[in-house]
């Protein structure tokens, strides 16, 4: 969270399950903050259930990718999200 506010990255990739703050909470905070609400966010997770996916997307995640994932697919999704934000 602090790094995103400090550096304003082109994109954030987060795990859904993290020790101090879960990905949904981080996504909510980033999307509510005017300094970071424009940053696309991809949620990576081992949780394949529908509820987790919907909660993440409803919170503002731009994509939800289930582990294990294809690295090339992730690269394409990252590239697409960054490209969309250029316009």
PDB file of N, CA and C in Angstrom:
ATOM      1  N   UNK A   1       0.832  -1.184   0.000  1.00  0.00           N
ATOM      2  CA  UNK A   1       0.000   0.000   0.000  1.00  0.00           C
ATOM      3  C   UNK A   1       0.877   1.249   0.000  1.00  0.00           C
ATOM      4  N   UNK A   2       1.833   1.275   0.919  1.00  0.00           N
ATOM      5  CA  UNK A   2       2.721   2.433   1.009  1.00  0.00           C
ATOM      6  C   UNK A   2       3.526   2.625  -0.271  1.00  0.00           C
ATOM      7  N   UNK A   3       4.006   1.513  -0.833  1.00  0.00           N
ATOM      8  CA  UNK A   3       4.794   1.592  -2.076  1.00  0.00           C
ATOM      9  C   UNK A   3       3.952   2.146  -3.222  1.00  0.00           C
ATOM     10  N   UNK A   4       2.695   1.744  -3.288  1.00  0.00           N
ATOM     11  CA  UNK A   4       1.827   2.235  -4.361  1.00  0.00           C
ATOM     12  C   UNK A   4       1.603   3.732  -4.241  1.00  0.00           C
ATOM     13  N   UNK A   5       1.417   4.208  -3.031  1.00  0.00           N
ATOM     14  CA  UNK A   5       1.213   5.650  -2.815  1.00  0.00           C
ATOM     15  C   UNK A   5       2.498   6.418  -3.086  1.00  0.00           C
ATOM     16  N   UNK A   6       3.604   5.838  -2.674  1.00  0.00           N
ATOM     17  CA  UNK A   6       4.902   6.490  -2.841  1.00  0.00           C
ATOM     18  C   UNK A   6       5.343   6.572  -4.296  1.00  0.00           C
ATOM     19  N   UNK A   7       5.176   5.476  -5.040  1.00  0.00           N
ATOM     20  CA  UNK A   7       5.739   5.441  -6.394  1.00  0.00           C
ATOM     21  C   UNK A   7       4.705   5.574  -7.519  1.00  0.00           C
ATOM     22  N   UNK A   8       3.417   5.462  -7.216  1.00  0.00           N
ATOM     23  CA  UNK A   8       2.345   5.508  -8.220  1.00  0.00           C
ATOM     24  C   UNK A   8       2.734   4.654  -9.447  1.00  0.00           C
ATOM     25  N   UNK A   9       2.668   3.322  -9.286  1.00  0.00           N
ATOM     26  CA  UNK A   9       3.062   2.423 -10.379  1.00  0.00           C
ATOM     27  C   UNK A   9       2.044   2.418 -11.520  1.00  0.00           C
ATOM     28  N   UNK A  10       2.451   1.863 -12.652  1.00  0.00           N
ATOM     29  CA  UNK A  10       1.545   1.725 -13.794  1.00  0.00           C
ATOM     30  C   UNK A  10       0.486   0.665 -13.544  1.00  0.00           C
ATOM     31  N   UNK A  11       0.796  -0.299 -12.655  1.00  0.00           N
ATOM     32  CA  UNK A  11      -0.105  -1.417 -12.402  1.00  0.00           C
ATOM     33  C   UNK A  11       0.306  -2.082 -11.092  1.00  0.00           C
ATOM     34  N   UNK A  12      -0.668  -2.649 -10.383  1.00  0.00           N
ATOM     35  CA  UNK A  12      -0.396  -3.395  -9.157  1.00  0.00           C
ATOM     36  C   UNK A  12      -0.867  -4.831  -9.357  1.00  0.00           C
ATOM     37  N   UNK A  13      -0.017  -5.779  -8.986  1.00  0.00           N
ATOM     38  CA  UNK A  13      -0.391  -7.187  -8.951  1.00  0.00           C
ATOM     39  C   UNK A  13      -0.336  -7.599  -7.488  1.00  0.00           C
ATOM     40  N   UNK A  14      -1.447  -8.112  -6.992  1.00  0.00           N
ATOM     41  CA  UNK A  14      -1.536  -8.464  -5.579  1.00  0.00           C
ATOM     42  C   UNK A  14      -2.078  -9.873  -5.411  1.00  0.00           C
ATOM     43  N   UNK A  15      -1.648 -10.514  -4.350  1.00  0.00           N
ATOM     44  CA  UNK A  15      -2.242 -11.791  -3.970  1.00  0.00           C
ATOM     45  C   UNK A  15      -3.485 -11.480  -3.153  1.00  0.00           C
ATOM     46  N   UNK A  16      -4.470 -12.324  -3.232  1.00  0.00           N
ATOM     47  CA  UNK A  16      -5.683 -12.135  -2.447  1.00  0.00           C
ATOM     48  C   UNK A  16      -5.410 -12.373  -0.968  1.00  0.00           C
ATOM     49  N   UNK A  17      -4.610 -13.384  -0.672  1.00  0.00           N
ATOM     50  CA  UNK A  17      -4.328 -13.737   0.719  1.00  0.00           C
ATOM     51  C   UNK A  17      -2.930 -13.268   1.105  1.00  0.00           C
ATOM     52  N   UNK A  18      -2.892 -12.268   1.992  1.00  0.00           N
ATOM     53  CA  UNK A  18      -1.626 -11.713   2.477  1.00  0.00           C
ATOM     54  C   UNK A  18      -1.707 -11.611   3.994  1.00  0.00           C
ATOM     55  N   UNK A  19      -0.570 -11.542   4.674  1.00  0.00           N
ATOM     56  CA  UNK A  19      -0.571 -11.593   6.141  1.00  0.00           C
ATOM     57  C   UNK A  19      -1.172 -10.377   6.860  1.00  0.00           C
ATOM     58  N   UNK A  20      -0.806  -9.168   6.509  1.00  0.00           N
ATOM     59  CA  UNK A  20      -1.255  -7.996   7.266  1.00  0.00           C
ATOM     60  C   UNK A  20      -2.574  -7.423   6.757  1.00  0.00           C
ATOM     61  N   UNK A  21      -2.765  -7.459   5.460  1.00  0.00           N
ATOM     62  CA  UNK A  21      -3.960  -6.892   4.842  1.00  0.00           C
ATOM     63  C   UNK A  21      -4.265  -7.758   3.623  1.00  0.00           C
ATOM     64  N   UNK A  22      -5.493  -8.241   3.513  1.00  0.00           N
ATOM     65  CA  UNK A  22      -5.785  -9.072   2.344  1.00  0.00           C
ATOM     66  C   UNK A  22      -5.914  -8.216   1.087  1.00  0.00           C
ATOM     67  N   UNK A  23      -5.895  -8.866  -0.054  1.00  0.00           N
ATOM     68  CA  UNK A  23      -5.926  -8.157  -1.323  1.00  0.00           C
ATOM     69  C   UNK A  23      -7.180  -7.332  -1.534  1.00  0.00           C
ATOM     70  N   UNK A  24      -8.307  -7.805  -1.024  1.00  0.00           N
ATOM     71  CA  UNK A  24      -9.566  -7.057  -1.171  1.00  0.00           C
ATOM     72  C   UNK A  24      -9.483  -5.738  -0.411  1.00  0.00           C
ATOM     73  N   UNK A  25      -8.964  -5.789   0.818  1.00  0.00           N
ATOM     74  CA  UNK A  25      -8.832  -4.560   1.601  1.00  0.00           C
ATOM     75  C   UNK A  25      -7.865  -3.587   0.928  1.00  0.00           C
ATOM     76  N   UNK A  26      -6.749  -4.117   0.415  1.00  0.00           N
ATOM     77  CA  UNK A  26      -5.790  -3.254  -0.263  1.00  0.00           C
ATOM     78  C   UNK A  26      -6.416  -2.626  -1.511  1.00  0.00           C
ATOM     79  N   UNK A  27      -7.149  -3.422  -2.258  1.00  0.00           N
ATOM     80  CA  UNK A  27      -7.820  -2.922  -3.458  1.00  0.00           C
ATOM     81  C   UNK A  27      -8.806  -1.816  -3.086  1.00  0.00           C
ATOM     82  N   UNK A  28      -9.598  -2.033  -2.039  1.00  0.00           N
ATOM     83  CA  UNK A  28     -10.543  -1.004  -1.593  1.00  0.00           C
ATOM     84  C   UNK A  28      -9.829   0.299  -1.263  1.00  0.00           C
ATOM     85  N   UNK A  29      -8.735   0.187  -0.536  1.00  0.00           N
ATOM     86  CA  UNK A  29      -7.994   1.387  -0.138  1.00  0.00           C
ATOM     87  C   UNK A  29      -7.393   2.101  -1.347  1.00  0.00           C
ATOM     88  N   UNK A  30      -6.822   1.331  -2.266  1.00  0.00           N
ATOM     89  CA  UNK A  30      -6.230   1.949  -3.458  1.00  0.00           C
ATOM     90  C   UNK A  30      -7.285   2.631  -4.312  1.00  0.00           C
ATOM     91  N   UNK A  31      -8.437   2.000  -4.462  1.00  0.00           N
ATOM     92  CA  UNK A  31      -9.485   2.544  -5.323  1.00  0.00           C
ATOM     93  C   UNK A  31     -10.214   3.727  -4.688  1.00  0.00           C
ATOM     94  N   UNK A  32     -10.164   3.859  -3.366  1.00  0.00           N
ATOM     95  CA  UNK A  32     -10.800   4.996  -2.686  1.00  0.00           C
ATOM     96  C   UNK A  32      -9.875   6.199  -2.574  1.00  0.00           C
ATOM     97  N   UNK A  33      -8.592   5.986  -2.772  1.00  0.00           N
ATOM     98  CA  UNK A  33      -7.598   7.056  -2.645  1.00  0.00           C
ATOM     99  C   UNK A  33      -7.436   7.748  -3.994  1.00  0.00           C
ATOM    100  N   UNK A  34      -7.643   9.056  -4.045  1.00  0.00           N
ATOM    101  CA  UNK A  34      -7.559   9.783  -5.319  1.00  0.00           C
ATOM    102  C   UNK A  34      -6.164   9.742  -5.934  1.00  0.00           C
ATOM    103  N   UNK A  35      -5.149   9.473  -5.137  1.00  0.00           N
ATOM    104  CA  UNK A  35      -3.790   9.375  -5.675  1.00  0.00           C
ATOM    105  C   UNK A  35      -3.557   8.066  -6.418  1.00  0.00           C
ATOM    106  N   UNK A  36      -4.345   7.037  -6.095  1.00  0.00           N
ATOM    107  CA  UNK A  36      -4.086   5.703  -6.650  1.00  0.00           C
ATOM    108  C   UNK A  36      -5.290   5.062  -7.331  1.00  0.00           C
ATOM    109  N   UNK A  37      -6.432   5.724  -7.339  1.00  0.00           N
ATOM    110  CA  UNK A  37      -7.639   5.063  -7.848  1.00  0.00           C
ATOM    111  C   UNK A  37      -7.611   4.771  -9.349  1.00  0.00           C
ATOM    112  N   UNK A  38      -6.685   5.353 -10.064  1.00  0.00           N
ATOM    113  CA  UNK A  38      -6.573   5.116 -11.504  1.00  0.00           C
ATOM    114  C   UNK A  38      -5.671   3.918 -11.843  1.00  0.00           C
ATOM    115  N   UNK A  39      -4.967   3.392 -10.854  1.00  0.00           N
ATOM    116  CA  UNK A  39      -3.993   2.313 -11.093  1.00  0.00           C
ATOM    117  C   UNK A  39      -4.732   0.991 -11.291  1.00  0.00           C
ATOM    118  N   UNK A  40      -4.509   0.312 -12.413  1.00  0.00           N
ATOM    119  CA  UNK A  40      -5.141  -0.994 -12.603  1.00  0.00           C
ATOM    120  C   UNK A  40      -4.562  -2.010 -11.608  1.00  0.00           C
ATOM    121  N   UNK A  41      -5.406  -2.926 -11.169  1.00  0.00           N
ATOM    122  CA  UNK A  41      -4.994  -3.920 -10.195  1.00  0.00           C
ATOM    123  C   UNK A  41      -5.398  -5.312 -10.651  1.00  0.00           C
ATOM    124  N   UNK A  42      -4.437  -6.220 -10.640  1.00  0.00           N
ATOM    125  CA  UNK A  42      -4.692  -7.620 -10.952  1.00  0.00           C
ATOM    126  C   UNK A  42      -4.570  -8.412  -9.664  1.00  0.00           C
ATOM    127  N   UNK A  43      -5.574  -9.211  -9.378  1.00  0.00           N
ATOM    128  CA  UNK A  43      -5.570 -10.073  -8.204  1.00  0.00           C
ATOM    129  C   UNK A  43      -5.139 -11.471  -8.631  1.00  0.00           C
ATOM    130  N   UNK A  44      -4.066 -11.964  -8.020  1.00  0.00           N
ATOM    131  CA  UNK A  44      -3.615 -13.342  -8.231  1.00  0.00           C
ATOM    132  C   UNK A  44      -4.010 -14.148  -7.006  1.00  0.00           C
ATOM    133  N   UNK A  45      -4.522 -15.335  -7.202  1.00  0.00           N
ATOM    134  CA  UNK A  45      -4.963 -16.107  -6.044  1.00  0.00           C
ATOM    135  C   UNK A  45      -5.136 -17.585  -6.349  1.00  0.00           C
ATOM    136  N   UNK A  46      -5.083 -18.367  -5.307  1.00  0.00           N
ATOM    137  CA  UNK A  46      -5.380 -19.792  -5.407  1.00  0.00           C
ATOM    138  C   UNK A  46      -6.873 -20.030  -5.155  1.00  0.00           C
ATOM    139  N   UNK A  47      -7.572 -18.991  -4.724  1.00  0.00           N
ATOM    140  CA  UNK A  47      -9.004 -19.125  -4.430  1.00  0.00           C
ATOM    141  C   UNK A  47      -9.808 -19.037  -5.722  1.00  0.00           C
ATOM    142  N   UNK A  48     -10.388 -20.158  -6.106  1.00  0.00           N
ATOM    143  CA  UNK A  48     -11.112 -20.226  -7.370  1.00  0.00           C
ATOM    144  C   UNK A  48     -12.619 -20.087  -7.197  1.00  0.00           C
ATOM    145  N   UNK A  49     -13.077 -19.863  -5.967  1.00  0.00           N
ATOM    146  CA  UNK A  49     -14.517 -19.806  -5.752  1.00  0.00           C
ATOM    147  C   UNK A  49     -15.114 -18.508  -6.307  1.00  0.00           C
ATOM    148  N   UNK A  50     -16.341 -18.608  -6.717  1.00  0.00           N
ATOM    149  CA  UNK A  50     -17.061 -17.503  -7.351  1.00  0.00           C
ATOM    150  C   UNK A  50     -17.173 -16.289  -6.432  1.00  0.00           C
ATOM    151  N   UNK A  51     -17.431 -16.509  -5.146  1.00  0.00           N
ATOM    152  CA  UNK A  51     -17.618 -15.412  -4.201  1.00  0.00           C
ATOM    153  C   UNK A  51     -16.360 -14.555  -4.072  1.00  0.00           C
ATOM    154  N   UNK A  52     -15.199 -15.199  -3.986  1.00  0.00           N
ATOM    155  CA  UNK A  52     -13.938 -14.452  -3.871  1.00  0.00           C
ATOM    156  C   UNK A  52     -13.684 -13.629  -5.127  1.00  0.00           C
ATOM    157  N   UNK A  53     -13.968 -14.233  -6.267  1.00  0.00           N
ATOM    158  CA  UNK A  53     -13.764 -13.531  -7.532  1.00  0.00           C
ATOM    159  C   UNK A  53     -14.687 -12.320  -7.628  1.00  0.00           C
ATOM    160  N   UNK A  54     -15.959 -12.515  -7.334  1.00  0.00           N
ATOM    161  CA  UNK A  54     -16.915 -11.406  -7.414  1.00  0.00           C
ATOM    162  C   UNK A  54     -16.581 -10.309  -6.417  1.00  0.00           C
ATOM    163  N   UNK A  55     -16.197 -10.682  -5.191  1.00  0.00           N
ATOM    164  CA  UNK A  55     -15.843  -9.679  -4.190  1.00  0.00           C
ATOM    165  C   UNK A  55     -14.664  -8.837  -4.671  1.00  0.00           C
ATOM    166  N   UNK A  56     -13.658  -9.479  -5.244  1.00  0.00           N
ATOM    167  CA  UNK A  56     -12.486  -8.751  -5.739  1.00  0.00           C
ATOM    168  C   UNK A  56     -12.856  -7.812  -6.883  1.00  0.00           C
ATOM    169  N   UNK A  57     -13.635  -8.310  -7.824  1.00  0.00           N
ATOM    170  CA  UNK A  57     -14.023  -7.485  -8.966  1.00  0.00           C
ATOM    171  C   UNK A  57     -14.951  -6.345  -8.544  1.00  0.00           C
ATOM    172  N   UNK A  58     -15.861  -6.610  -7.607  1.00  0.00           N
ATOM    173  CA  UNK A  58     -16.762  -5.564  -7.121  1.00  0.00           C
ATOM    174  C   UNK A  58     -16.017  -4.492  -6.338  1.00  0.00           C
ATOM    175  N   UNK A  59     -14.905  -4.861  -5.735  1.00  0.00           N
ATOM    176  CA  UNK A  59     -14.097  -3.917  -4.975  1.00  0.00           C
ATOM    177  C   UNK A  59     -13.278  -3.027  -5.900  1.00  0.00           C
ATOM    178  N   UNK A  60     -13.118  -3.438  -7.148  1.00  0.00           N
ATOM    179  CA  UNK A  60     -12.405  -2.603  -8.102  1.00  0.00           C
ATOM    180  C   UNK A  60     -11.231  -3.266  -8.794  1.00  0.00           C
ATOM    181  N   UNK A  61     -10.962  -4.533  -8.479  1.00  0.00           N
ATOM    182  CA  UNK A  61      -9.887  -5.236  -9.191  1.00  0.00           C
ATOM    183  C   UNK A  61     -10.230  -5.267 -10.682  1.00  0.00           C
ATOM    184  N   UNK A  62      -9.237  -5.041 -11.506  1.00  0.00           N
ATOM    185  CA  UNK A  62      -9.455  -5.020 -12.950  1.00  0.00           C
ATOM    186  C   UNK A  62      -9.402  -6.412 -13.564  1.00  0.00           C
ATOM    187  N   UNK A  63      -8.761  -7.337 -12.867  1.00  0.00           N
ATOM    188  CA  UNK A  63      -8.666  -8.704 -13.358  1.00  0.00           C
ATOM    189  C   UNK A  63      -8.462  -9.631 -12.171  1.00  0.00           C
ATOM    190  N   UNK A  64      -8.804 -10.896 -12.341  1.00  0.00           N
ATOM    191  CA  UNK A  64      -8.714 -11.907 -11.293  1.00  0.00           C
ATOM    192  C   UNK A  64      -8.135 -13.146 -11.946  1.00  0.00           C
ATOM    193  N   UNK A  65      -6.945 -13.511 -11.565  1.00  0.00           N
ATOM    194  CA  UNK A  65      -6.260 -14.640 -12.189  1.00  0.00           C
ATOM    195  C   UNK A  65      -6.000 -15.711 -11.143  1.00  0.00           C
ATOM    196  N   UNK A  66      -6.427 -16.922 -11.450  1.00  0.00           N
ATOM    197  CA  UNK A  66      -6.319 -18.040 -10.518  1.00  0.00           C
ATOM    198  C   UNK A  66      -4.998 -18.782 -10.740  1.00  0.00           C
ATOM    199  N   UNK A  67      -4.322 -19.074  -9.625  1.00  0.00           N
ATOM    200  CA  UNK A  67      -3.079 -19.853  -9.657  1.00  0.00           C
ATOM    201  C   UNK A  67      -3.415 -21.331  -9.821  1.00  0.00           C
ATOM    202  N   UNK A  68      -2.593 -22.107 -10.456  1.00  0.00           N
ATOM    203  CA  UNK A  68      -1.412 -21.667 -11.191  1.00  0.00           C
ATOM    204  C   UNK A  68      -1.844 -20.946 -12.460  1.00  0.00           C
ATOM    205  N   UNK A  69      -1.049 -19.983 -12.881  1.00  0.00           N
ATOM    206  CA  UNK A  69      -1.408 -19.191 -14.045  1.00  0.00           C
ATOM    207  C   UNK A  69      -0.313 -19.307 -15.104  1.00  0.00           C
ATOM    208  N   UNK A  70      -0.672 -18.976 -16.312  1.00  0.00           N
ATOM    209  CA  UNK A  70       0.250 -18.989 -17.433  1.00  0.00           C
ATOM    210  C   UNK A  70       0.958 -17.633 -17.473  1.00  0.00           C
ATOM    211  N   UNK A  71       2.276 -17.625 -17.395  1.00  0.00           N
ATOM    212  CA  UNK A  71       3.053 -16.379 -17.352  1.00  0.00           C
ATOM    213  C   UNK A  71       2.823 -15.527 -18.591  1.00  0.00           C
ATOM    214  N   UNK A  72       2.720 -16.152 -19.738  1.00  0.00           N
ATOM    215  CA  UNK A  72       2.495 -15.397 -20.971  1.00  0.00           C
ATOM    216  C   UNK A  72       1.120 -14.718 -20.948  1.00  0.00           C
ATOM    217  N   UNK A  73       0.111 -15.413 -20.432  1.00  0.00           N
ATOM    218  CA  UNK A  73      -1.222 -14.817 -20.313  1.00  0.00           C
ATOM    219  C   UNK A  73      -1.184 -13.622 -19.362  1.00  0.00           C
ATOM    220  N   UNK A  74      -0.475 -13.754 -18.249  1.00  0.00           N
ATOM    221  CA  UNK A  74      -0.348 -12.643 -17.311  1.00  0.00           C
ATOM    222  C   UNK A  74       0.313 -11.449 -17.983  1.00  0.00           C
ATOM    223  N   UNK A  75       1.366 -11.687 -18.744  1.00  0.00           N
ATOM    224  CA  UNK A  75       2.059 -10.604 -19.453  1.00  0.00           C
ATOM    225  C   UNK A  75       1.118  -9.877 -20.405  1.00  0.00           C
ATOM    226  N   UNK A  76       0.297 -10.633 -21.129  1.00  0.00           N
ATOM    227  CA  UNK A  76      -0.642 -10.022 -22.072  1.00  0.00           C
ATOM    228  C   UNK A  76      -1.693  -9.204 -21.335  1.00  0.00           C
ATOM    229  N   UNK A  77      -2.203  -9.730 -20.239  1.00  0.00           N
ATOM    230  CA  UNK A  77      -3.209  -8.991 -19.463  1.00  0.00           C
ATOM    231  C   UNK A  77      -2.619  -7.710 -18.884  1.00  0.00           C
ATOM    232  N   UNK A  78      -1.392  -7.790 -18.370  1.00  0.00           N
ATOM    233  CA  UNK A  78      -0.704  -6.608 -17.842  1.00  0.00           C
ATOM    234  C   UNK A  78      -0.549  -5.570 -18.947  1.00  0.00           C
ATOM    235  N   UNK A  79      -0.058  -6.005 -20.080  1.00  0.00           N
ATOM    236  CA  UNK A  79       0.147  -5.105 -21.209  1.00  0.00           C
ATOM    237  C   UNK A  79      -1.167  -4.447 -21.647  1.00  0.00           C
ATOM    238  N   UNK A  80      -2.223  -5.224 -21.721  1.00  0.00           N
ATOM    239  CA  UNK A  80      -3.526  -4.689 -22.128  1.00  0.00           C
ATOM    240  C   UNK A  80      -4.039  -3.642 -21.148  1.00  0.00           C
ATOM    241  N   UNK A  81      -3.937  -3.917 -19.857  1.00  0.00           N
ATOM    242  CA  UNK A  81      -4.423  -2.961 -18.860  1.00  0.00           C
ATOM    243  C   UNK A  81      -3.622  -1.665 -18.882  1.00  0.00           C
ATOM    244  N   UNK A  82      -2.323  -1.777 -19.039  1.00  0.00           N
ATOM    245  CA  UNK A  82      -1.492  -0.565 -19.108  1.00  0.00           C
ATOM    246  C   UNK A  82      -1.812   0.219 -20.372  1.00  0.00           C
ATOM    247  N   UNK A  83      -1.982  -0.471 -21.464  1.00  0.00           N
ATOM    248  CA  UNK A  83      -2.297   0.184 -22.740  1.00  0.00           C
ATOM    249  C   UNK A  83      -3.635   0.908 -22.663  1.00  0.00           C
ATOM    250  N   UNK A  84      -4.626   0.290 -22.034  1.00  0.00           N
ATOM    251  CA  UNK A  84      -5.955   0.914 -21.884  1.00  0.00           C
ATOM    252  C   UNK A  84      -5.879   2.233 -21.112  1.00  0.00           C
ATOM    253  N   UNK A  85      -4.999   2.315 -20.138  1.00  0.00           N
ATOM    254  CA  UNK A  85      -4.898   3.501 -19.293  1.00  0.00           C
ATOM    255  C   UNK A  85      -4.182   4.664 -19.988  1.00  0.00           C
ATOM    256  N   UNK A  86      -3.535   4.381 -21.102  1.00  0.00           N
ATOM    257  CA  UNK A  86      -2.818   5.446 -21.813  1.00  0.00           C
ATOM    258  C   UNK A  86      -3.762   6.422 -22.486  1.00  0.00           C
ATOM    259  N   UNK A  87      -5.002   6.018 -22.729  1.00  0.00           N
ATOM    260  CA  UNK A  87      -5.935   6.851 -23.477  1.00  0.00           C
ATOM    261  C   UNK A  87      -6.890   7.574 -22.609  1.00  0.00           C
TER     262      UNK A  87
END
